[in-house]
Amino acid sequence: MAAGEPEDSGGYCFRFLPQKTFRCLSAPETASRLRQWSMLGRVAAQAFGFDQTFQAHRRDDFLTAFFKDPNVIPNLKLLSDSSGQWITLGFACGRLRKI
């Protein structure tokens, strides 16, 4: 394990890519279909990069590392069931601990 690497990361290190855009979500045909199903504004895509080749047999390690990564927790947005507002994974985790 490299120096400074979190012990439970599974060796993966993630980085948030806020400038990455997804043209498919802003295409007129997509917007029309999302509007038809009342999903327009309720679907978002975010990009994160990682430092290793993905290996399917290590998928559980990959997912665990992703959701525990300090670059993911404050940036990954979720749609709150109760308020309908976008919240970060860090906020959601904090709320879950209080319940």
C-alpha atoms as a PDB file:
ATOM      1  CA  MET A   1       0.000   0.000   0.000  1.00  0.00           C
ATOM      2  CA  ALA A   2       1.369   3.416  -0.945  1.00  0.00           C
ATOM      3  CA  ALA A   3       2.052   6.051   1.674  1.00  0.00           C
ATOM      4  CA  GLY A   4      -0.965   8.247   2.347  1.00  0.00           C
ATOM      5  CA  GLU A   5      -3.374   5.788   0.751  1.00  0.00           C
ATOM      6  CA  PRO A   6      -6.504   5.075   2.802  1.00  0.00           C
ATOM      7  CA  GLU A   7      -6.518   1.540   4.223  1.00  0.00           C
ATOM      8  CA  ASP A   8     -10.066   0.701   3.138  1.00  0.00           C
ATOM      9  CA  SER A   9      -9.823   2.172  -0.369  1.00  0.00           C
ATOM     10  CA  GLY A  10      -9.114  -1.151  -2.057  1.00  0.00           C
ATOM     11  CA  GLY A  11      -6.246   0.671  -3.726  1.00  0.00           C
ATOM     12  CA  TYR A  12      -8.487   2.907  -5.833  1.00  0.00           C
ATOM     13  CA  CYS A  13      -8.254   6.678  -5.812  1.00  0.00           C
ATOM     14  CA  PHE A  14     -11.086   8.735  -7.364  1.00  0.00           C
ATOM     15  CA  ARG A  15     -11.258  12.310  -8.612  1.00  0.00           C
ATOM     16  CA  PHE A  16     -14.336  14.402  -9.315  1.00  0.00           C
ATOM     17  CA  LEU A  17     -14.592  15.715 -12.902  1.00  0.00           C
ATOM     18  CA  PRO A  18     -17.058  18.637 -12.601  1.00  0.00           C
ATOM     19  CA  GLN A  19     -16.376  20.007 -16.116  1.00  0.00           C
ATOM     20  CA  LYS A  20     -17.400  16.750 -17.824  1.00  0.00           C
ATOM     21  CA  THR A  21     -20.630  17.225 -19.767  1.00  0.00           C
ATOM     22  CA  PHE A  22     -23.094  14.673 -21.070  1.00  0.00           C
ATOM     23  CA  ARG A  23     -24.552  15.937 -24.326  1.00  0.00           C
ATOM     24  CA  CYS A  24     -27.051  13.082 -24.452  1.00  0.00           C
ATOM     25  CA  LEU A  25     -28.906  14.545 -21.447  1.00  0.00           C
ATOM     26  CA  SER A  26     -29.353  17.932 -23.110  1.00  0.00           C
ATOM     27  CA  ALA A  27     -30.398  16.620 -26.527  1.00  0.00           C
ATOM     28  CA  PRO A  28     -33.903  17.797 -27.515  1.00  0.00           C
ATOM     29  CA  GLU A  29     -35.202  14.252 -28.005  1.00  0.00           C
ATOM     30  CA  THR A  30     -33.924  13.189 -24.582  1.00  0.00           C
ATOM     31  CA  ALA A  31     -35.378  16.284 -22.916  1.00  0.00           C
ATOM     32  CA  SER A  32     -38.737  15.577 -24.549  1.00  0.00           C
ATOM     33  CA  ARG A  33     -38.767  11.993 -23.292  1.00  0.00           C
ATOM     34  CA  LEU A  34     -37.691  13.006 -19.802  1.00  0.00           C
ATOM     35  CA  ARG A  35     -40.433  15.653 -19.731  1.00  0.00           C
ATOM     36  CA  GLN A  36     -42.983  13.050 -20.873  1.00  0.00           C
ATOM     37  CA  TRP A  37     -42.210  10.938 -17.794  1.00  0.00           C
ATOM     38  CA  SER A  38     -41.849  13.936 -15.402  1.00  0.00           C
ATOM     39  CA  MET A  39     -38.136  13.205 -15.071  1.00  0.00           C
ATOM     40  CA  LEU A  40     -36.756  16.424 -16.567  1.00  0.00           C
ATOM     41  CA  GLY A  41     -34.631  18.041 -13.863  1.00  0.00           C
ATOM     42  CA  ARG A  42     -34.683  14.855 -11.782  1.00  0.00           C
ATOM     43  CA  VAL A  43     -31.908  13.105 -13.709  1.00  0.00           C
ATOM     44  CA  ALA A  44     -28.287  14.159 -13.577  1.00  0.00           C
ATOM     45  CA  ALA A  45     -24.963  12.640 -14.511  1.00  0.00           C
ATOM     46  CA  GLN A  46     -21.655  13.208 -12.773  1.00  0.00           C
ATOM     47  CA  ALA A  47     -18.219  11.974 -13.757  1.00  0.00           C
ATOM     48  CA  PHE A  48     -15.450  10.601 -11.599  1.00  0.00           C
ATOM     49  CA  GLY A  49     -12.112   9.295 -12.793  1.00  0.00           C
ATOM     50  CA  PHE A  50     -10.068   6.612 -11.102  1.00  0.00           C
ATOM     51  CA  ASP A  51      -6.441   5.587 -11.130  1.00  0.00           C
ATOM     52  CA  GLN A  52      -6.537   1.872 -11.915  1.00  0.00           C
ATOM     53  CA  THR A  53      -7.887  -0.420 -14.581  1.00  0.00           C
ATOM     54  CA  PHE A  54     -11.327  -1.676 -13.627  1.00  0.00           C
ATOM     55  CA  GLN A  55     -11.345  -5.418 -12.994  1.00  0.00           C
ATOM     56  CA  ALA A  56     -14.758  -7.079 -12.905  1.00  0.00           C
ATOM     57  CA  HIS A  57     -13.677  -9.639 -10.332  1.00  0.00           C
ATOM     58  CA  ARG A  58     -12.833  -6.732  -7.947  1.00  0.00           C
ATOM     59  CA  ARG A  59     -16.131  -4.907  -8.489  1.00  0.00           C
ATOM     60  CA  ASP A  60     -17.103  -5.056  -4.799  1.00  0.00           C
ATOM     61  CA  ASP A  61     -13.767  -3.491  -3.798  1.00  0.00           C
ATOM     62  CA  PHE A  62     -14.271  -0.846  -6.487  1.00  0.00           C
ATOM     63  CA  LEU A  63     -17.762   0.122  -5.283  1.00  0.00           C
ATOM     64  CA  THR A  64     -16.779   0.131  -1.613  1.00  0.00           C
ATOM     65  CA  ALA A  65     -13.779   2.323  -2.394  1.00  0.00           C
ATOM     66  CA  PHE A  66     -15.935   4.659  -4.515  1.00  0.00           C
ATOM     67  CA  PHE A  67     -18.544   5.362  -1.845  1.00  0.00           C
ATOM     68  CA  LYS A  68     -15.901   5.789   0.879  1.00  0.00           C
ATOM     69  CA  ASP A  69     -13.533   7.996  -1.128  1.00  0.00           C
ATOM     70  CA  PRO A  70     -12.996  11.496   0.321  1.00  0.00           C
ATOM     71  CA  ASN A  71     -13.292  12.994  -3.184  1.00  0.00           C
ATOM     72  CA  VAL A  72     -16.646  11.297  -3.808  1.00  0.00           C
ATOM     73  CA  ILE A  73     -18.448  11.894  -0.498  1.00  0.00           C
ATOM     74  CA  PRO A  74     -18.676  15.723  -0.735  1.00  0.00           C
ATOM     75  CA  ASN A  75     -19.356  15.764  -4.506  1.00  0.00           C
ATOM     76  CA  LEU A  76     -21.721  12.910  -5.385  1.00  0.00           C
ATOM     77  CA  LYS A  77     -25.224  14.337  -5.610  1.00  0.00           C
ATOM     78  CA  LEU A  78     -28.356  12.387  -4.714  1.00  0.00           C
ATOM     79  CA  LEU A  79     -31.998  13.373  -5.036  1.00  0.00           C
ATOM     80  CA  SER A  80     -33.588  13.415  -1.599  1.00  0.00           C
ATOM     81  CA  ASP A  81     -36.745  11.323  -1.304  1.00  0.00           C
ATOM     82  CA  SER A  82     -38.228  13.569   1.350  1.00  0.00           C
ATOM     83  CA  SER A  83     -37.521  17.040  -0.036  1.00  0.00           C
ATOM     84  CA  GLY A  84     -36.958  16.420  -3.740  1.00  0.00           C
ATOM     85  CA  GLN A  85     -33.790  18.531  -3.507  1.00  0.00           C
ATOM     86  CA  TRP A  86     -30.293  17.570  -4.635  1.00  0.00           C
ATOM     87  CA  ILE A  87     -28.064  16.720  -1.667  1.00  0.00           C
ATOM     88  CA  THR A  88     -24.518  15.398  -1.460  1.00  0.00           C
ATOM     89  CA  LEU A  89     -23.638  11.884  -0.365  1.00  0.00           C
ATOM     90  CA  GLY A  90     -21.879  13.413   2.658  1.00  0.00           C
ATOM     91  CA  PHE A  91     -25.079  15.153   3.736  1.00  0.00           C
ATOM     92  CA  ALA A  92     -27.095  11.974   3.248  1.00  0.00           C
ATOM     93  CA  CYS A  93     -24.597   9.920   5.271  1.00  0.00           C
ATOM     94  CA  GLY A  94     -24.715  12.482   8.062  1.00  0.00           C
ATOM     95  CA  ARG A  95     -28.496  12.313   8.159  1.00  0.00           C
ATOM     96  CA  LEU A  96     -28.485   8.528   8.185  1.00  0.00           C
ATOM     97  CA  ARG A  97     -26.208   8.460  11.216  1.00  0.00           C
ATOM     98  CA  LYS A  98     -28.577  10.735  13.167  1.00  0.00           C
ATOM     99  CA  ILE A  99     -31.642   8.541  12.653  1.00  0.00           C
END
